[in-house]
Amino acid sequence: MAVLTTKARKHMKPGTFGLPGQRKYPMPDKSHAGNAKSRVSAALAEGKISPSDAAKVRHKANVVLGETDSTYPGSK
C-alpha cells in the first residue's frame, strides 16, 4: 500500500473519503479502498459504525476498485 502522509491526507478532496463529512476511510487508490473495506467491517462488528455508514464506505470502495458503478441508491 502506498504511504499516505498527514500532509497529503489534509489536502485530499472530501470525495476521496468513504465518509466525507467525517474525513474517515481515505481512498486515494485501490490499495487504500481495499483496506477501507476491511476496516469498516471490523468497525461494524465492534459497533463503532452504523450499518448505513458501513454500506456507504463499502460502496465507495467498490467504485474505486471498479467493482460497481458510481451511483448509490441511498444517497442524495
C-alpha atoms as a PDB file:
ATOM      1  CA  MET A   1       0.000   0.000   0.000  1.00  0.00           C
ATOM      2  CA  ALA A   2       1.230   3.470  -0.823  1.00  0.00           C
ATOM      3  CA  VAL A   3       2.135   5.657   2.120  1.00  0.00           C
ATOM      4  CA  LEU A   4      -0.381   8.384   2.882  1.00  0.00           C
ATOM      5  CA  THR A   5       1.254  11.183   4.828  1.00  0.00           C
ATOM      6  CA  THR A   6      -0.622  13.514   7.142  1.00  0.00           C
ATOM      7  CA  LYS A   7       0.109  16.417   4.812  1.00  0.00           C
ATOM      8  CA  ALA A   8      -1.257  14.546   1.786  1.00  0.00           C
ATOM      9  CA  ARG A   9      -4.348  13.438   3.725  1.00  0.00           C
ATOM     10  CA  LYS A  10      -5.113  17.027   4.748  1.00  0.00           C
ATOM     11  CA  HIS A  11      -5.027  18.122   1.103  1.00  0.00           C
ATOM     12  CA  MET A  12      -7.312  15.375  -0.185  1.00  0.00           C
ATOM     13  CA  LYS A  13     -10.730  16.336  -1.527  1.00  0.00           C
ATOM     14  CA  PRO A  14     -13.675  15.286   0.664  1.00  0.00           C
ATOM     15  CA  GLY A  15     -14.962  12.989  -2.095  1.00  0.00           C
ATOM     16  CA  THR A  16     -11.861  10.849  -1.718  1.00  0.00           C
ATOM     17  CA  PHE A  17     -13.043   9.629   1.689  1.00  0.00           C
ATOM     18  CA  GLY A  18     -15.550   6.872   2.378  1.00  0.00           C
ATOM     19  CA  LEU A  19     -17.271   9.163   4.884  1.00  0.00           C
ATOM     20  CA  PRO A  20     -16.525  12.663   3.519  1.00  0.00           C
ATOM     21  CA  GLY A  21     -18.219  14.630   6.315  1.00  0.00           C
ATOM     22  CA  GLN A  22     -16.088  12.868   8.914  1.00  0.00           C
ATOM     23  CA  ARG A  23     -12.993  12.563   6.689  1.00  0.00           C
ATOM     24  CA  LYS A  24     -12.747   8.859   7.543  1.00  0.00           C
ATOM     25  CA  TYR A  25     -11.610   5.959   5.367  1.00  0.00           C
ATOM     26  CA  PRO A  26      -9.412   7.703   2.765  1.00  0.00           C
ATOM     27  CA  MET A  27      -9.375   6.012  -0.645  1.00  0.00           C
ATOM     28  CA  PRO A  28      -6.893   7.724  -2.967  1.00  0.00           C
ATOM     29  CA  ASP A  29      -6.056   4.402  -4.653  1.00  0.00           C
ATOM     30  CA  LYS A  30      -7.147   0.766  -4.903  1.00  0.00           C
ATOM     31  CA  SER A  31      -4.994  -0.485  -2.047  1.00  0.00           C
ATOM     32  CA  HIS A  32      -6.500   2.064   0.349  1.00  0.00           C
ATOM     33  CA  ALA A  33     -10.003   1.178  -0.894  1.00  0.00           C
ATOM     34  CA  GLY A  34      -9.442  -2.494  -0.104  1.00  0.00           C
ATOM     35  CA  ASN A  35      -8.089  -1.578   3.300  1.00  0.00           C
ATOM     36  CA  ALA A  36     -11.135   0.636   3.962  1.00  0.00           C
ATOM     37  CA  LYS A  37     -13.465  -2.290   3.241  1.00  0.00           C
ATOM     38  CA  SER A  38     -11.605  -4.410   5.786  1.00  0.00           C
ATOM     39  CA  ARG A  39     -11.512  -1.683   8.401  1.00  0.00           C
ATOM     40  CA  VAL A  40     -15.184  -0.810   8.061  1.00  0.00           C
ATOM     41  CA  SER A  41     -16.160  -4.463   8.500  1.00  0.00           C
ATOM     42  CA  ALA A  42     -14.173  -4.589  11.735  1.00  0.00           C
ATOM     43  CA  ALA A  43     -15.656  -1.277  12.935  1.00  0.00           C
ATOM     44  CA  LEU A  44     -19.166  -2.546  12.204  1.00  0.00           C
ATOM     45  CA  ALA A  45     -18.540  -5.768  14.143  1.00  0.00           C
ATOM     46  CA  GLU A  46     -17.309  -3.698  17.099  1.00  0.00           C
ATOM     47  CA  GLY A  47     -20.332  -1.392  16.941  1.00  0.00           C
ATOM     48  CA  LYS A  48     -18.226   1.687  16.118  1.00  0.00           C
ATOM     49  CA  ILE A  49     -20.041   2.492  12.867  1.00  0.00           C
ATOM     50  CA  SER A  50     -23.662   2.278  11.765  1.00  0.00           C
ATOM     51  CA  PRO A  51     -24.742  -0.254   9.133  1.00  0.00           C
ATOM     52  CA  SER A  52     -25.759   2.566   6.761  1.00  0.00           C
ATOM     53  CA  ASP A  53     -22.357   4.263   7.061  1.00  0.00           C
ATOM     54  CA  ALA A  54     -20.643   0.904   6.529  1.00  0.00           C
ATOM     55  CA  ALA A  55     -22.688   0.386   3.353  1.00  0.00           C
ATOM     56  CA  LYS A  56     -21.656   3.828   2.075  1.00  0.00           C
ATOM     57  CA  VAL A  57     -17.970   3.098   2.686  1.00  0.00           C
ATOM     58  CA  ARG A  58     -18.199  -0.334   1.031  1.00  0.00           C
ATOM     59  CA  HIS A  59     -19.965   1.163  -1.981  1.00  0.00           C
ATOM     60  CA  LYS A  60     -17.351   3.913  -2.360  1.00  0.00           C
ATOM     61  CA  ALA A  61     -14.573   1.309  -2.058  1.00  0.00           C
ATOM     62  CA  ASN A  62     -16.225  -0.856  -4.708  1.00  0.00           C
ATOM     63  CA  VAL A  63     -16.385   2.156  -7.042  1.00  0.00           C
ATOM     64  CA  VAL A  64     -12.681   2.861  -6.531  1.00  0.00           C
ATOM     65  CA  LEU A  65     -11.918  -0.830  -7.087  1.00  0.00           C
ATOM     66  CA  GLY A  66     -14.021  -0.831 -10.270  1.00  0.00           C
ATOM     67  CA  GLU A  67     -16.455  -3.428  -8.931  1.00  0.00           C
ATOM     68  CA  THR A  68     -19.612  -1.308  -9.306  1.00  0.00           C
ATOM     69  CA  ASP A  69     -20.855   1.956 -10.829  1.00  0.00           C
ATOM     70  CA  SER A  70     -20.785   5.319  -9.071  1.00  0.00           C
ATOM     71  CA  THR A  71     -24.491   5.651  -8.244  1.00  0.00           C
ATOM     72  CA  TYR A  72     -25.546   4.927  -4.697  1.00  0.00           C
ATOM     73  CA  PRO A  73     -29.286   4.382  -4.289  1.00  0.00           C
ATOM     74  CA  GLY A  74     -29.341   5.551  -0.667  1.00  0.00           C
ATOM     75  CA  SER A  75     -27.622   8.899  -1.200  1.00  0.00           C
ATOM     76  CA  LYS A  76     -28.969  12.267  -2.272  1.00  0.00           C
END
